[in-house]
């Protein structure tokens, strides 16, 4: 069974490596991951809007407005 912070003994704490504050390990995968998921979301929303307005000849509903607002806010969060 894996240990958690509450059941860790002082000897296990002593075996941990020292923290590296000068040159910490970077998570370089997060930026491409965020960009890819944003592109997938954008394609899905554009596809939904094309189907809604071109194929069904329907008007925008409240759900569409919320989807577009969420898409814009998620795009702004990348800046």
Protein backbone atom coordinates (compact mmCIF):
# COMPACT_ATOMS: atom_id res chain seq x y z
CA UNK A 1 0.00 0.00 0.00
CA UNK A 2 1.50 3.38 -0.95
CA UNK A 3 2.35 5.76 1.83
CA UNK A 4 0.82 9.17 2.17
CA UNK A 5 2.05 12.26 3.98
CA UNK A 6 0.31 11.30 7.21
CA UNK A 7 1.85 7.84 7.51
CA UNK A 8 5.37 8.76 6.36
CA UNK A 9 8.02 8.16 8.98
CA UNK A 10 10.91 10.56 9.69
CA UNK A 11 13.37 8.14 8.08
CA UNK A 12 11.34 8.19 4.87
CA UNK A 13 11.35 12.00 4.97
CA UNK A 14 15.15 11.93 5.35
CA UNK A 15 15.45 9.72 2.26
CA UNK A 16 13.73 12.31 0.05
CA UNK A 17 16.01 14.32 -2.26
CA UNK A 18 16.79 17.93 -1.36
CA UNK A 19 14.59 20.53 -3.09
CA UNK A 20 16.09 22.21 -6.14
CA UNK A 21 15.10 25.87 -6.07
CA UNK A 22 17.93 27.13 -8.31
CA UNK A 23 17.23 25.06 -11.44
CA UNK A 24 13.89 23.28 -10.90
CA UNK A 25 12.52 20.67 -13.26
CA UNK A 26 10.23 22.24 -15.85
CA UNK A 27 7.03 20.75 -17.20
CA UNK A 28 7.58 21.49 -20.89
CA UNK A 29 4.66 19.36 -22.06
CA UNK A 30 1.94 21.64 -20.67
CA UNK A 31 2.11 24.34 -23.36
CA UNK A 32 1.66 22.01 -26.37
CA UNK A 33 -1.04 20.13 -24.45
CA UNK A 34 -2.96 23.35 -23.76
CA UNK A 35 -2.68 24.51 -27.36
CA UNK A 36 -3.87 21.17 -28.75
CA UNK A 37 -6.86 20.98 -26.41
CA UNK A 38 -7.79 24.58 -27.26
CA UNK A 39 -7.64 23.78 -30.97
CA UNK A 40 -9.83 20.71 -30.49
CA UNK A 41 -12.35 22.78 -28.51
CA UNK A 42 -12.34 25.48 -31.19
CA UNK A 43 -12.95 22.94 -33.98
CA UNK A 44 -15.82 21.38 -31.99
CA UNK A 45 -17.50 24.74 -31.35
CA UNK A 46 -17.10 25.88 -34.95
CA UNK A 47 -18.51 22.55 -36.14
CA UNK A 48 -21.49 22.93 -33.82
CA UNK A 49 -22.16 26.46 -35.02
CA UNK A 50 -21.90 25.41 -38.69
CA UNK A 51 -24.40 22.61 -38.13
CA UNK A 52 -26.69 24.86 -36.13
CA UNK A 53 -26.77 27.78 -38.56
CA UNK A 54 -26.08 26.26 -42.00
CA UNK A 55 -27.58 22.78 -41.88
CA UNK A 56 -30.52 23.25 -39.53
CA UNK A 57 -31.12 26.93 -40.43
CA UNK A 58 -31.73 27.56 -36.74
CA UNK A 59 -31.14 30.63 -34.59
CA UNK A 60 -28.65 30.98 -31.74
CA UNK A 61 -30.00 29.88 -28.41
CA UNK A 62 -28.87 30.59 -24.88
CA UNK A 63 -26.71 27.46 -24.94
CA UNK A 64 -24.84 28.75 -28.00
CA UNK A 65 -24.19 32.08 -26.33
CA UNK A 66 -22.79 30.34 -23.24
CA UNK A 67 -20.63 28.06 -25.40
CA UNK A 68 -19.17 31.02 -27.27
CA UNK A 69 -18.56 32.91 -24.01
CA UNK A 70 -16.80 29.87 -22.55
CA UNK A 71 -14.69 29.49 -25.69
CA UNK A 72 -13.67 33.16 -25.62
CA UNK A 73 -12.79 33.03 -21.92
CA UNK A 74 -10.72 29.88 -22.44
CA UNK A 75 -8.87 31.53 -25.32
CA UNK A 76 -8.18 34.60 -23.19
CA UNK A 77 -6.78 32.40 -20.44
CA UNK A 78 -3.97 31.34 -22.78
CA UNK A 79 -2.71 34.91 -23.06
